[in-house]
Amino acid sequence: MTRKTISRAGKPLSIDLLERMADILKILAHAHRLKIVEFLEARGASPVHKIMEEIGLPQAVTSQHLNQMRRIGLLSAERRGQEVWYAIADPRALTILDCIRRKES
């Protein structure tokens, strides 16, 4: 039996894009970070304390996860009064969740 290689796009991906995607995958290769993305997808922009409640982690740990995702551009952060609200900034995070969901089906 012969395996065919199916290319979805004609031109190869650049090394810059592949490096960026590898960074995103490294950050999202953590269950709590994926849960944060899932929560933000469902609820939209949310303050840290709401994300903490949903994930069930201490504030310091939650903030570390959020900062790592913000640093590479997956999330955006906006100060509203004394709270920092986070939202999904890069829809590729949702694409990864969708891939996981398809695997579950």
N, C-alpha and C. Protein backbone atom coordinates (compact mmCIF):
# COMPACT_ATOMS: atom_id res chain seq x y z
N MET A 1 0.84 -1.17 0.00
CA MET A 1 0.00 0.00 0.00
C MET A 1 0.89 1.24 0.00
N THR A 2 0.61 2.16 -0.87
CA THR A 2 1.41 3.37 -1.01
C THR A 2 0.75 4.52 -0.26
N ARG A 3 1.55 5.29 0.48
CA ARG A 3 1.03 6.48 1.17
C ARG A 3 1.28 7.68 0.29
N LYS A 4 0.24 8.46 0.10
CA LYS A 4 0.38 9.68 -0.67
C LYS A 4 0.56 10.85 0.29
N THR A 5 1.41 11.76 -0.08
CA THR A 5 1.57 12.99 0.69
C THR A 5 0.66 14.03 0.07
N ILE A 6 -0.22 14.56 0.88
CA ILE A 6 -1.17 15.56 0.40
C ILE A 6 -0.75 16.92 0.93
N SER A 7 -0.49 17.83 0.02
CA SER A 7 -0.12 19.18 0.39
C SER A 7 -1.37 20.05 0.32
N ARG A 8 -1.65 20.80 1.40
CA ARG A 8 -2.81 21.68 1.42
C ARG A 8 -2.48 23.04 0.81
N ALA A 9 -1.24 23.36 0.76
CA ALA A 9 -0.82 24.64 0.19
C ALA A 9 0.34 24.37 -0.76
N GLY A 10 0.40 25.19 -1.79
CA GLY A 10 1.44 24.99 -2.78
C GLY A 10 2.82 25.36 -2.31
N LYS A 11 2.93 26.42 -1.52
CA LYS A 11 4.29 26.86 -1.17
C LYS A 11 4.65 26.43 0.26
N PRO A 12 5.92 26.11 0.45
CA PRO A 12 6.38 25.68 1.78
C PRO A 12 6.26 26.82 2.80
N LEU A 13 6.09 26.44 4.05
CA LEU A 13 6.02 27.41 5.13
C LEU A 13 7.41 27.94 5.45
N SER A 14 7.49 29.21 5.79
CA SER A 14 8.79 29.81 6.12
C SER A 14 9.26 29.33 7.49
N ILE A 15 10.54 29.33 7.68
CA ILE A 15 11.11 28.94 8.97
C ILE A 15 10.68 29.91 10.06
N ASP A 16 10.50 31.18 9.72
CA ASP A 16 10.03 32.16 10.71
C ASP A 16 8.64 31.80 11.22
N LEU A 17 7.75 31.45 10.30
CA LEU A 17 6.40 31.06 10.69
C LEU A 17 6.43 29.78 11.52
N LEU A 18 7.22 28.82 11.09
CA LEU A 18 7.30 27.56 11.83
C LEU A 18 7.87 27.76 13.23
N GLU A 19 8.85 28.64 13.37
CA GLU A 19 9.39 28.94 14.70
C GLU A 19 8.33 29.59 15.58
N ARG A 20 7.56 30.52 15.01
CA ARG A 20 6.48 31.18 15.77
C ARG A 20 5.43 30.16 16.21
N MET A 21 5.07 29.27 15.31
CA MET A 21 4.08 28.24 15.65
C MET A 21 4.62 27.27 16.70
N ALA A 22 5.90 26.96 16.62
CA ALA A 22 6.51 26.09 17.63
C ALA A 22 6.45 26.75 19.01
N ASP A 23 6.71 28.06 19.06
CA ASP A 23 6.61 28.79 20.33
C ASP A 23 5.18 28.74 20.88
N ILE A 24 4.21 28.95 20.01
CA ILE A 24 2.81 28.89 20.43
C ILE A 24 2.46 27.50 20.95
N LEU A 25 2.88 26.47 20.21
CA LEU A 25 2.59 25.11 20.64
C LEU A 25 3.24 24.78 21.98
N LYS A 26 4.47 25.25 22.19
CA LYS A 26 5.15 25.02 23.47
C LYS A 26 4.35 25.63 24.61
N ILE A 27 3.88 26.85 24.43
CA ILE A 27 3.12 27.53 25.48
C ILE A 27 1.79 26.82 25.72
N LEU A 28 1.14 26.40 24.66
CA LEU A 28 -0.17 25.76 24.81
C LEU A 28 -0.09 24.28 25.17
N ALA A 29 1.11 23.75 25.26
CA ALA A 29 1.28 22.35 25.64
C ALA A 29 1.20 22.19 27.15
N HIS A 30 0.18 22.79 27.73
CA HIS A 30 -0.04 22.75 29.18
C HIS A 30 -1.54 22.78 29.42
N ALA A 31 -2.04 21.83 30.19
CA ALA A 31 -3.49 21.69 30.38
C ALA A 31 -4.14 22.95 30.96
N HIS A 32 -3.50 23.59 31.93
CA HIS A 32 -4.10 24.79 32.53
C HIS A 32 -4.17 25.95 31.53
N ARG A 33 -3.16 26.07 30.69
CA ARG A 33 -3.18 27.15 29.70
C ARG A 33 -4.26 26.89 28.65
N LEU A 34 -4.42 25.64 28.26
CA LEU A 34 -5.51 25.31 27.33
C LEU A 34 -6.87 25.59 27.97
N LYS A 35 -6.98 25.30 29.25
CA LYS A 35 -8.23 25.57 29.98
C LYS A 35 -8.51 27.07 30.02
N ILE A 36 -7.48 27.87 30.19
CA ILE A 36 -7.64 29.33 30.18
C ILE A 36 -8.17 29.79 28.82
N VAL A 37 -7.59 29.27 27.76
CA VAL A 37 -8.04 29.64 26.41
C VAL A 37 -9.50 29.22 26.23
N GLU A 38 -9.84 28.02 26.68
CA GLU A 38 -11.22 27.54 26.56
C GLU A 38 -12.18 28.45 27.33
N PHE A 39 -11.78 28.84 28.52
CA PHE A 39 -12.61 29.74 29.34
C PHE A 39 -12.80 31.09 28.65
N LEU A 40 -11.72 31.66 28.15
CA LEU A 40 -11.80 32.96 27.49
C LEU A 40 -12.61 32.88 26.19
N GLU A 41 -12.54 31.76 25.52
CA GLU A 41 -13.35 31.57 24.31
C GLU A 41 -14.83 31.62 24.68
N ALA A 42 -15.19 30.96 25.76
CA ALA A 42 -16.60 30.87 26.16
C ALA A 42 -17.11 32.17 26.77
N ARG A 43 -16.29 32.80 27.60
CA ARG A 43 -16.73 33.97 28.36
C ARG A 43 -16.30 35.31 27.79
N GLY A 44 -15.33 35.30 26.91
CA GLY A 44 -14.79 36.56 26.41
C GLY A 44 -13.82 37.15 27.42
N ALA A 45 -13.47 38.41 27.23
CA ALA A 45 -12.50 39.07 28.11
C ALA A 45 -12.94 38.93 29.57
N SER A 46 -11.98 38.60 30.42
CA SER A 46 -12.29 38.35 31.82
C SER A 46 -11.15 38.82 32.71
N PRO A 47 -11.49 39.23 33.95
CA PRO A 47 -10.45 39.63 34.89
C PRO A 47 -9.75 38.40 35.48
N VAL A 48 -8.57 38.64 35.98
CA VAL A 48 -7.75 37.55 36.52
C VAL A 48 -8.51 36.75 37.57
N HIS A 49 -9.23 37.41 38.47
CA HIS A 49 -9.88 36.65 39.56
C HIS A 49 -10.94 35.68 39.03
N LYS A 50 -11.61 36.01 37.94
CA LYS A 50 -12.58 35.09 37.35
C LYS A 50 -11.88 33.89 36.71
N ILE A 51 -10.76 34.16 36.06
CA ILE A 51 -9.98 33.08 35.45
C ILE A 51 -9.45 32.16 36.54
N MET A 52 -8.96 32.74 37.63
CA MET A 52 -8.46 31.95 38.77
C MET A 52 -9.55 31.02 39.30
N GLU A 53 -10.75 31.56 39.49
CA GLU A 53 -11.87 30.76 40.01
C GLU A 53 -12.17 29.59 39.09
N GLU A 54 -12.17 29.85 37.80
CA GLU A 54 -12.49 28.80 36.82
C GLU A 54 -11.41 27.72 36.79
N ILE A 55 -10.16 28.13 36.81
CA ILE A 55 -9.05 27.18 36.68
C ILE A 55 -8.74 26.48 38.00
N GLY A 56 -9.00 27.17 39.10
CA GLY A 56 -8.75 26.58 40.41
C GLY A 56 -7.29 26.63 40.83
N LEU A 57 -6.56 27.64 40.34
CA LEU A 57 -5.16 27.80 40.70
C LEU A 57 -4.97 29.08 41.51
N PRO A 58 -3.91 29.15 42.31
CA PRO A 58 -3.63 30.39 43.04
C PRO A 58 -3.35 31.54 42.07
N GLN A 59 -3.51 32.75 42.57
CA GLN A 59 -3.33 33.96 41.76
C GLN A 59 -1.96 34.02 41.12
N ALA A 60 -0.92 33.73 41.86
CA ALA A 60 0.45 33.83 41.33
C ALA A 60 0.66 32.86 40.15
N VAL A 61 0.16 31.65 40.29
CA VAL A 61 0.33 30.64 39.23
C VAL A 61 -0.50 31.03 38.01
N THR A 62 -1.73 31.46 38.23
CA THR A 62 -2.59 31.90 37.14
C THR A 62 -1.95 33.06 36.40
N SER A 63 -1.42 34.03 37.13
CA SER A 63 -0.79 35.19 36.51
C SER A 63 0.43 34.79 35.69
N GLN A 64 1.19 33.82 36.16
CA GLN A 64 2.34 33.34 35.39
C GLN A 64 1.90 32.76 34.05
N HIS A 65 0.86 31.93 34.08
CA HIS A 65 0.34 31.35 32.85
C HIS A 65 -0.15 32.45 31.90
N LEU A 66 -0.92 33.39 32.43
CA LEU A 66 -1.45 34.48 31.61
C LEU A 66 -0.34 35.32 31.01
N ASN A 67 0.68 35.62 31.80
CA ASN A 67 1.80 36.43 31.30
C ASN A 67 2.58 35.72 30.20
N GLN A 68 2.76 34.42 30.34
CA GLN A 68 3.46 33.67 29.30
C GLN A 68 2.68 33.72 27.98
N MET A 69 1.37 33.58 28.07
CA MET A 69 0.56 33.61 26.85
C MET A 69 0.46 35.03 26.28
N ARG A 70 0.47 36.02 27.14
CA ARG A 70 0.44 37.41 26.68
C ARG A 70 1.76 37.78 26.01
N ARG A 71 2.86 37.32 26.58
CA ARG A 71 4.19 37.65 26.08
C ARG A 71 4.39 37.22 24.63
N ILE A 72 3.80 36.10 24.23
CA ILE A 72 3.97 35.66 22.84
C ILE A 72 2.80 36.07 21.95
N GLY A 73 1.87 36.83 22.52
CA GLY A 73 0.80 37.40 21.71
C GLY A 73 -0.47 36.58 21.60
N LEU A 74 -0.58 35.49 22.37
CA LEU A 74 -1.82 34.72 22.33
C LEU A 74 -2.96 35.46 23.03
N LEU A 75 -2.62 36.18 24.10
CA LEU A 75 -3.61 36.93 24.86
C LEU A 75 -3.26 38.40 24.85
N SER A 76 -4.28 39.21 25.03
CA SER A 76 -4.07 40.64 25.26
C SER A 76 -4.47 40.93 26.70
N ALA A 77 -3.90 41.98 27.25
CA ALA A 77 -4.21 42.39 28.62
C ALA A 77 -4.58 43.86 28.62
N GLU A 78 -5.60 44.18 29.38
CA GLU A 78 -6.06 45.57 29.47
C GLU A 78 -6.39 45.88 30.93
N ARG A 79 -5.82 46.95 31.43
CA ARG A 79 -6.11 47.36 32.80
C ARG A 79 -7.43 48.11 32.81
N ARG A 80 -8.33 47.67 33.68
CA ARG A 80 -9.61 48.33 33.90
C ARG A 80 -9.72 48.61 35.39
N GLY A 81 -9.42 49.84 35.75
CA GLY A 81 -9.35 50.17 37.18
C GLY A 81 -8.20 49.43 37.81
N GLN A 82 -8.51 48.67 38.84
CA GLN A 82 -7.46 47.92 39.53
C GLN A 82 -7.31 46.50 39.00
N GLU A 83 -8.16 46.12 38.05
CA GLU A 83 -8.11 44.76 37.53
C GLU A 83 -7.46 44.73 36.15
N VAL A 84 -6.85 43.59 35.85
CA VAL A 84 -6.32 43.34 34.51
C VAL A 84 -7.23 42.31 33.87
N TRP A 85 -7.75 42.66 32.70
CA TRP A 85 -8.62 41.78 31.95
C TRP A 85 -7.84 41.17 30.79
N TYR A 86 -8.05 39.88 30.58
CA TYR A 86 -7.37 39.16 29.50
C TYR A 86 -8.39 38.71 28.46
N ALA A 87 -7.93 38.70 27.22
CA ALA A 87 -8.76 38.25 26.10
C ALA A 87 -7.87 37.53 25.10
N ILE A 88 -8.48 36.73 24.27
CA ILE A 88 -7.74 36.03 23.22
C ILE A 88 -7.36 37.04 22.15
N ALA A 89 -6.08 37.10 21.85
CA ALA A 89 -5.57 38.04 20.84
C ALA A 89 -5.22 37.33 19.54
N ASP A 90 -4.92 36.06 19.61
CA ASP A 90 -4.50 35.30 18.43
C ASP A 90 -5.46 34.13 18.25
N PRO A 91 -6.28 34.14 17.21
CA PRO A 91 -7.27 33.08 17.02
C PRO A 91 -6.66 31.70 16.77
N ARG A 92 -5.35 31.64 16.52
CA ARG A 92 -4.73 30.32 16.33
C ARG A 92 -4.83 29.48 17.60
N ALA A 93 -4.93 30.13 18.75
CA ALA A 93 -5.12 29.37 19.99
C ALA A 93 -6.44 28.60 19.95
N LEU A 94 -7.45 29.21 19.34
CA LEU A 94 -8.75 28.56 19.21
C LEU A 94 -8.70 27.43 18.19
N THR A 95 -7.88 27.60 17.16
CA THR A 95 -7.72 26.55 16.16
C THR A 95 -7.13 25.29 16.81
N ILE A 96 -6.20 25.49 17.71
CA ILE A 96 -5.60 24.34 18.40
C ILE A 96 -6.65 23.65 19.26
N LEU A 97 -7.48 24.42 19.97
CA LEU A 97 -8.57 23.82 20.75
C LEU A 97 -9.52 23.05 19.84
N ASP A 98 -9.83 23.61 18.67
CA ASP A 98 -10.71 22.94 17.73
C ASP A 98 -10.11 21.60 17.28
N CYS A 99 -8.81 21.57 17.08
CA CYS A 99 -8.14 20.31 16.70
C CYS A 99 -8.30 19.27 17.82
N ILE A 100 -8.16 19.71 19.05
CA ILE A 100 -8.34 18.80 20.19
C ILE A 100 -9.77 18.31 20.25
N ARG A 101 -10.72 19.20 20.03
CA ARG A 101 -12.13 18.82 20.06
C ARG A 101 -12.45 17.80 18.96
N ARG A 102 -11.90 17.99 17.78
CA ARG A 102 -12.14 17.04 16.68
C ARG A 102 -11.61 15.67 17.03
N LYS A 103 -10.49 15.65 17.75
CA LYS A 103 -9.89 14.37 18.15
C LYS A 103 -10.81 13.65 19.14
N GLU A 104 -11.54 14.41 19.95
CA GLU A 104 -12.45 13.84 20.94
C GLU A 104 -13.69 13.22 20.29
N SER A 105 -14.06 13.73 19.13
CA SER A 105 -15.31 13.27 18.47
C SER A 105 -15.20 11.87 17.96
